[in-house]
């Protein structure tokens, strides 16, 4: 497993100072991937240090702490060749479709490259054949026209592998967000889609 002493880390999703944690590592074995020291291998971010909590009041979920007392953050990331940690998403948001893992951020980033898209979120919709199908919800500068959806589908066909393309794209007026500005992916998102 890659390990590194970090005080400051640069992340794709946010930046943070890790002064409280003495050690950070990316555990690729948890995802069934081989570990590599640096160079982009994704895995679950784990932290350890003197100020780390000892557990939860109601009991520690077995998946939260590794046997060696590293805390599993449920964040997914990788170390680049310079040793900086990049966060790429949450492990629990990975979409498994046809036996392949798709990270919602990959789909979202492609959608956000389209000049008409102002916000995007991707998620897995249960499917009896593939396990999940990828759906996306976007806000656009052009409204909710069928032409917009077809244009976005064409954009995704050009830039995403077949298994990463959304099978459905919903256009909404606004995505539901929490106090920190992150998109709420649960019931709030479903209710916005139903109202669209």
C-alpha atoms as a PDB file:
ATOM      1  CA  UNK A   1       0.000   0.000   0.000  1.00  0.00           C
ATOM      2  CA  UNK A   2       1.167   3.491  -0.758  1.00  0.00           C
ATOM      3  CA  UNK A   3       1.858   5.498   2.386  1.00  0.00           C
ATOM      4  CA  UNK A   4       2.892   9.084   2.754  1.00  0.00           C
ATOM      5  CA  UNK A   5       3.315  11.641   5.515  1.00  0.00           C
ATOM      6  CA  UNK A   6       1.254  14.640   4.455  1.00  0.00           C
ATOM      7  CA  UNK A   7       0.486  17.978   6.018  1.00  0.00           C
ATOM      8  CA  UNK A   8      -1.252  19.555   3.022  1.00  0.00           C
ATOM      9  CA  UNK A   9      -2.965  17.660   0.248  1.00  0.00           C
ATOM     10  CA  UNK A  10      -4.265  18.795  -3.116  1.00  0.00           C
ATOM     11  CA  UNK A  11      -7.556  17.198  -4.108  1.00  0.00           C
ATOM     12  CA  UNK A  12      -9.716  17.262  -7.212  1.00  0.00           C
ATOM     13  CA  UNK A  13     -12.857  17.824  -5.159  1.00  0.00           C
ATOM     14  CA  UNK A  14     -11.518  19.936  -2.311  1.00  0.00           C
ATOM     15  CA  UNK A  15      -8.352  20.959  -0.525  1.00  0.00           C
ATOM     16  CA  UNK A  16      -7.667  20.338   3.120  1.00  0.00           C
ATOM     17  CA  UNK A  17      -4.924  20.446   5.692  1.00  0.00           C
ATOM     18  CA  UNK A  18      -4.268  17.128   7.355  1.00  0.00           C
ATOM     19  CA  UNK A  19      -2.471  18.431  10.403  1.00  0.00           C
ATOM     20  CA  UNK A  20      -4.389  16.089  12.720  1.00  0.00           C
ATOM     21  CA  UNK A  21      -3.463  12.927  10.833  1.00  0.00           C
ATOM     22  CA  UNK A  22       0.085  11.643  10.791  1.00  0.00           C
ATOM     23  CA  UNK A  23      -0.389   9.142   7.986  1.00  0.00           C
ATOM     24  CA  UNK A  24      -2.498   8.831   4.851  1.00  0.00           C
ATOM     25  CA  UNK A  25      -2.557   5.879   2.470  1.00  0.00           C
ATOM     26  CA  UNK A  26      -4.519   4.630  -0.499  1.00  0.00           C
ATOM     27  CA  UNK A  27      -5.599   1.011  -0.139  1.00  0.00           C
ATOM     28  CA  UNK A  28      -6.195  -0.415  -3.621  1.00  0.00           C
ATOM     29  CA  UNK A  29      -6.599  -3.986  -2.352  1.00  0.00           C
ATOM     30  CA  UNK A  30     -10.009  -3.070  -0.933  1.00  0.00           C
ATOM     31  CA  UNK A  31     -11.180  -2.521  -4.522  1.00  0.00           C
ATOM     32  CA  UNK A  32      -9.553  -5.701  -5.819  1.00  0.00           C
ATOM     33  CA  UNK A  33      -6.765  -3.738  -7.496  1.00  0.00           C
ATOM     34  CA  UNK A  34      -2.995  -4.190  -7.144  1.00  0.00           C
ATOM     35  CA  UNK A  35      -1.247  -1.593  -5.002  1.00  0.00           C
ATOM     36  CA  UNK A  36       1.319   0.737  -6.493  1.00  0.00           C
ATOM     37  CA  UNK A  37       3.380   3.316  -4.648  1.00  0.00           C
ATOM     38  CA  UNK A  38       2.532   6.349  -6.819  1.00  0.00           C
ATOM     39  CA  UNK A  39       1.191   7.007 -10.262  1.00  0.00           C
ATOM     40  CA  UNK A  40      -2.575   6.987 -10.209  1.00  0.00           C
ATOM     41  CA  UNK A  41      -3.771   3.678  -8.739  1.00  0.00           C
ATOM     42  CA  UNK A  42      -7.177   4.368  -7.186  1.00  0.00           C
ATOM     43  CA  UNK A  43      -8.152   3.015  -3.819  1.00  0.00           C
ATOM     44  CA  UNK A  44      -9.842   3.770  -0.526  1.00  0.00           C
ATOM     45  CA  UNK A  45      -8.216   6.613   1.407  1.00  0.00           C
ATOM     46  CA  UNK A  46      -7.239   5.570   4.936  1.00  0.00           C
ATOM     47  CA  UNK A  47      -5.847   7.778   7.711  1.00  0.00           C
ATOM     48  CA  UNK A  48      -4.149   7.207  11.058  1.00  0.00           C
ATOM     49  CA  UNK A  49      -2.884   9.526  13.746  1.00  0.00           C
ATOM     50  CA  UNK A  50      -3.012  10.483  17.424  1.00  0.00           C
ATOM     51  CA  UNK A  51      -6.150  12.616  17.100  1.00  0.00           C
ATOM     52  CA  UNK A  52      -8.205  10.023  15.279  1.00  0.00           C
ATOM     53  CA  UNK A  53     -11.417   8.967  16.991  1.00  0.00           C
ATOM     54  CA  UNK A  54     -11.440   5.621  18.762  1.00  0.00           C
ATOM     55  CA  UNK A  55     -14.858   4.623  17.449  1.00  0.00           C
ATOM     56  CA  UNK A  56     -18.522   5.537  17.384  1.00  0.00           C
ATOM     57  CA  UNK A  57     -20.647   5.891  20.517  1.00  0.00           C
ATOM     58  CA  UNK A  58     -23.107   3.314  19.232  1.00  0.00           C
ATOM     59  CA  UNK A  59     -20.334   0.892  18.297  1.00  0.00           C
ATOM     60  CA  UNK A  60     -17.862   0.845  15.453  1.00  0.00           C
ATOM     61  CA  UNK A  61     -19.070  -0.504  12.121  1.00  0.00           C
ATOM     62  CA  UNK A  62     -16.721  -3.354  11.209  1.00  0.00           C
ATOM     63  CA  UNK A  63     -15.806  -1.797   7.869  1.00  0.00           C
ATOM     64  CA  UNK A  64     -14.715   1.565   9.328  1.00  0.00           C
ATOM     65  CA  UNK A  65     -11.444   0.525  10.974  1.00  0.00           C
ATOM     66  CA  UNK A  66      -8.941  -1.829   9.373  1.00  0.00           C
ATOM     67  CA  UNK A  67      -7.255  -4.503  11.514  1.00  0.00           C
ATOM     68  CA  UNK A  68      -4.166  -2.289  11.790  1.00  0.00           C
ATOM     69  CA  UNK A  69      -6.261   0.608  13.210  1.00  0.00           C
ATOM     70  CA  UNK A  70      -6.313   2.674  10.028  1.00  0.00           C
ATOM     71  CA  UNK A  71      -9.584   4.559   9.575  1.00  0.00           C
ATOM     72  CA  UNK A  72     -11.306   3.926   6.237  1.00  0.00           C
ATOM     73  CA  UNK A  73     -12.745   7.257   5.085  1.00  0.00           C
ATOM     74  CA  UNK A  74     -14.980   5.850   2.313  1.00  0.00           C
ATOM     75  CA  UNK A  75     -13.328   8.413   0.055  1.00  0.00           C
ATOM     76  CA  UNK A  76     -11.685   7.145  -3.073  1.00  0.00           C
ATOM     77  CA  UNK A  77      -8.505   8.680  -4.387  1.00  0.00           C
ATOM     78  CA  UNK A  78      -4.986   8.222  -5.652  1.00  0.00           C
ATOM     79  CA  UNK A  79      -1.487   9.585  -5.159  1.00  0.00           C
ATOM     80  CA  UNK A  80       0.044  11.200  -8.214  1.00  0.00           C
ATOM     81  CA  UNK A  81       3.716  10.878  -9.117  1.00  0.00           C
ATOM     82  CA  UNK A  82       4.587  13.873  -6.909  1.00  0.00           C
ATOM     83  CA  UNK A  83       2.973  12.289  -3.841  1.00  0.00           C
ATOM     84  CA  UNK A  84      -0.090  14.531  -3.749  1.00  0.00           C
ATOM     85  CA  UNK A  85      -3.406  12.915  -2.880  1.00  0.00           C
ATOM     86  CA  UNK A  86      -6.345  13.456  -5.239  1.00  0.00           C
ATOM     87  CA  UNK A  87      -9.878  12.601  -4.107  1.00  0.00           C
ATOM     88  CA  UNK A  88     -12.028  11.206  -6.912  1.00  0.00           C
ATOM     89  CA  UNK A  89     -15.292  10.392  -5.163  1.00  0.00           C
ATOM     90  CA  UNK A  90     -16.954   8.206  -2.601  1.00  0.00           C
ATOM     91  CA  UNK A  91     -16.642   4.421  -2.621  1.00  0.00           C
ATOM     92  CA  UNK A  92     -20.351   4.029  -1.868  1.00  0.00           C
ATOM     93  CA  UNK A  93     -21.252   6.035  -4.995  1.00  0.00           C
ATOM     94  CA  UNK A  94     -19.442   3.768  -7.467  1.00  0.00           C
ATOM     95  CA  UNK A  95     -21.905   2.492 -10.067  1.00  0.00           C
ATOM     96  CA  UNK A  96     -21.545  -1.175 -11.017  1.00  0.00           C
ATOM     97  CA  UNK A  97     -23.005  -1.714 -14.475  1.00  0.00           C
ATOM     98  CA  UNK A  98     -22.561  -4.959 -16.372  1.00  0.00           C
ATOM     99  CA  UNK A  99     -19.883  -5.975 -13.871  1.00  0.00           C
ATOM    100  CA  UNK A 100     -17.812  -2.819 -14.521  1.00  0.00           C
ATOM    101  CA  UNK A 101     -17.163   0.001 -12.061  1.00  0.00           C
ATOM    102  CA  UNK A 102     -18.019   3.527 -13.141  1.00  0.00           C
ATOM    103  CA  UNK A 103     -17.169   6.500 -10.964  1.00  0.00           C
ATOM    104  CA  UNK A 104     -19.947   9.116 -11.114  1.00  0.00           C
ATOM    105  CA  UNK A 105     -17.345  11.888 -11.276  1.00  0.00           C
ATOM    106  CA  UNK A 106     -16.110  10.555 -14.646  1.00  0.00           C
ATOM    107  CA  UNK A 107     -19.584  10.965 -16.148  1.00  0.00           C
ATOM    108  CA  UNK A 108     -20.220  14.267 -14.362  1.00  0.00           C
ATOM    109  CA  UNK A 109     -16.921  15.769 -15.550  1.00  0.00           C
ATOM    110  CA  UNK A 110     -17.725  14.929 -19.178  1.00  0.00           C
ATOM    111  CA  UNK A 111     -21.203  16.416 -18.882  1.00  0.00           C
ATOM    112  CA  UNK A 112     -19.759  19.563 -17.299  1.00  0.00           C
ATOM    113  CA  UNK A 113     -17.434  19.971 -20.304  1.00  0.00           C
ATOM    114  CA  UNK A 114     -20.506  20.673 -22.445  1.00  0.00           C
ATOM    115  CA  UNK A 115     -20.946  24.450 -22.782  1.00  0.00           C
ATOM    116  CA  UNK A 116     -24.680  24.335 -21.970  1.00  0.00           C
ATOM    117  CA  UNK A 117     -24.390  22.292 -18.740  1.00  0.00           C
ATOM    118  CA  UNK A 118     -24.172  24.281 -15.520  1.00  0.00           C
ATOM    119  CA  UNK A 119     -24.396  21.386 -13.042  1.00  0.00           C
ATOM    120  CA  UNK A 120     -24.467  17.584 -13.278  1.00  0.00           C
ATOM    121  CA  UNK A 121     -24.814  14.477 -11.135  1.00  0.00           C
ATOM    122  CA  UNK A 122     -24.662  10.816 -12.188  1.00  0.00           C
ATOM    123  CA  UNK A 123     -26.050   7.829 -10.292  1.00  0.00           C
ATOM    124  CA  UNK A 124     -26.910   4.172 -10.721  1.00  0.00           C
ATOM    125  CA  UNK A 125     -30.500   3.196 -11.419  1.00  0.00           C
ATOM    126  CA  UNK A 126     -31.249  -0.484 -10.651  1.00  0.00           C
ATOM    127  CA  UNK A 127     -31.563  -2.630 -13.759  1.00  0.00           C
ATOM    128  CA  UNK A 128     -32.353  -6.377 -13.894  1.00  0.00           C
ATOM    129  CA  UNK A 129     -29.922  -7.028 -16.761  1.00  0.00           C
ATOM    130  CA  UNK A 130     -26.906  -4.858 -15.914  1.00  0.00           C
ATOM    131  CA  UNK A 131     -27.271  -4.445 -12.151  1.00  0.00           C
ATOM    132  CA  UNK A 132     -27.406  -0.673 -12.664  1.00  0.00           C
ATOM    133  CA  UNK A 133     -27.825   1.683 -15.581  1.00  0.00           C
ATOM    134  CA  UNK A 134     -26.223   5.099 -15.473  1.00  0.00           C
ATOM    135  CA  UNK A 135     -28.609   8.013 -15.210  1.00  0.00           C
ATOM    136  CA  UNK A 136     -27.613  11.665 -15.104  1.00  0.00           C
ATOM    137  CA  UNK A 137     -29.363  14.804 -13.943  1.00  0.00           C
ATOM    138  CA  UNK A 138     -28.230  18.161 -15.301  1.00  0.00           C
ATOM    139  CA  UNK A 139     -29.108  21.836 -15.255  1.00  0.00           C
ATOM    140  CA  UNK A 140     -28.537  23.692 -18.510  1.00  0.00           C
ATOM    141  CA  UNK A 141     -28.577  27.187 -19.915  1.00  0.00           C
ATOM    142  CA  UNK A 142     -30.944  26.020 -22.710  1.00  0.00           C
ATOM    143  CA  UNK A 143     -33.811  24.579 -20.672  1.00  0.00           C
ATOM    144  CA  UNK A 144     -35.452  21.157 -20.946  1.00  0.00           C
ATOM    145  CA  UNK A 145     -35.878  20.638 -24.697  1.00  0.00           C
ATOM    146  CA  UNK A 146     -35.518  17.179 -26.265  1.00  0.00           C
ATOM    147  CA  UNK A 147     -32.859  18.699 -28.520  1.00  0.00           C
ATOM    148  CA  UNK A 148     -30.735  19.493 -25.441  1.00  0.00           C
ATOM    149  CA  UNK A 149     -30.934  15.888 -24.223  1.00  0.00           C
ATOM    150  CA  UNK A 150     -30.008  14.499 -27.653  1.00  0.00           C
ATOM    151  CA  UNK A 151     -27.085  16.924 -27.844  1.00  0.00           C
ATOM    152  CA  UNK A 152     -25.857  15.762 -24.404  1.00  0.00           C
ATOM    153  CA  UNK A 153     -26.224  12.085 -25.389  1.00  0.00           C
ATOM    154  CA  UNK A 154     -24.151  12.742 -28.511  1.00  0.00           C
ATOM    155  CA  UNK A 155     -21.548  14.576 -26.407  1.00  0.00           C
ATOM    156  CA  UNK A 156     -21.300  11.554 -24.069  1.00  0.00           C
ATOM    157  CA  UNK A 157     -21.020   9.117 -27.017  1.00  0.00           C
ATOM    158  CA  UNK A 158     -17.986  11.076 -28.254  1.00  0.00           C
ATOM    159  CA  UNK A 159     -16.207  11.256 -24.894  1.00  0.00           C
ATOM    160  CA  UNK A 160     -17.197   8.233 -22.793  1.00  0.00           C
ATOM    161  CA  UNK A 161     -16.720   4.502 -23.203  1.00  0.00           C
ATOM    162  CA  UNK A 162     -20.000   2.709 -23.919  1.00  0.00           C
ATOM    163  CA  UNK A 163     -20.402   1.330 -20.369  1.00  0.00           C
ATOM    164  CA  UNK A 164     -19.913   4.832 -18.885  1.00  0.00           C
ATOM    165  CA  UNK A 165     -22.552   6.601 -20.955  1.00  0.00           C
ATOM    166  CA  UNK A 166     -25.816   7.622 -19.305  1.00  0.00           C
ATOM    167  CA  UNK A 167     -28.806   5.748 -20.694  1.00  0.00           C
ATOM    168  CA  UNK A 168     -31.098   8.518 -19.404  1.00  0.00           C
ATOM    169  CA  UNK A 169     -30.416  12.217 -18.875  1.00  0.00           C
ATOM    170  CA  UNK A 170     -32.905  14.284 -16.878  1.00  0.00           C
ATOM    171  CA  UNK A 171     -32.873  18.067 -17.222  1.00  0.00           C
ATOM    172  CA  UNK A 172     -34.057  19.946 -14.122  1.00  0.00           C
ATOM    173  CA  UNK A 173     -34.223  23.584 -13.069  1.00  0.00           C
ATOM    174  CA  UNK A 174     -31.991  23.092 -10.025  1.00  0.00           C
ATOM    175  CA  UNK A 175     -30.149  20.265  -8.284  1.00  0.00           C
ATOM    176  CA  UNK A 176     -30.818  19.841  -4.548  1.00  0.00           C
ATOM    177  CA  UNK A 177     -27.794  20.838  -2.466  1.00  0.00           C
ATOM    178  CA  UNK A 178     -26.890  20.618   1.194  1.00  0.00           C
ATOM    179  CA  UNK A 179     -25.427  23.405   3.353  1.00  0.00           C
ATOM    180  CA  UNK A 180     -21.898  22.741   2.035  1.00  0.00           C
ATOM    181  CA  UNK A 181     -22.991  23.010  -1.609  1.00  0.00           C
ATOM    182  CA  UNK A 182     -22.731  19.290  -2.375  1.00  0.00           C
ATOM    183  CA  UNK A 183     -25.497  17.713  -4.426  1.00  0.00           C
ATOM    184  CA  UNK A 184     -27.871  15.612  -2.323  1.00  0.00           C
ATOM    185  CA  UNK A 185     -28.044  12.262  -4.112  1.00  0.00           C
ATOM    186  CA  UNK A 186     -30.759  10.551  -2.076  1.00  0.00           C
ATOM    187  CA  UNK A 187     -34.482  11.142  -1.765  1.00  0.00           C
ATOM    188  CA  UNK A 188     -34.088  14.863  -2.485  1.00  0.00           C
ATOM    189  CA  UNK A 189     -32.650  14.130  -5.937  1.00  0.00           C
ATOM    190  CA  UNK A 190     -35.391  11.590  -6.692  1.00  0.00           C
ATOM    191  CA  UNK A 191     -38.100  14.113  -5.806  1.00  0.00           C
ATOM    192  CA  UNK A 192     -36.535  16.755  -8.098  1.00  0.00           C
ATOM    193  CA  UNK A 193     -36.508  14.222 -10.967  1.00  0.00           C
ATOM    194  CA  UNK A 194     -40.158  13.292 -10.345  1.00  0.00           C
ATOM    195  CA  UNK A 195     -41.204  16.958 -10.449  1.00  0.00           C
ATOM    196  CA  UNK A 196     -39.293  17.640 -13.696  1.00  0.00           C
END
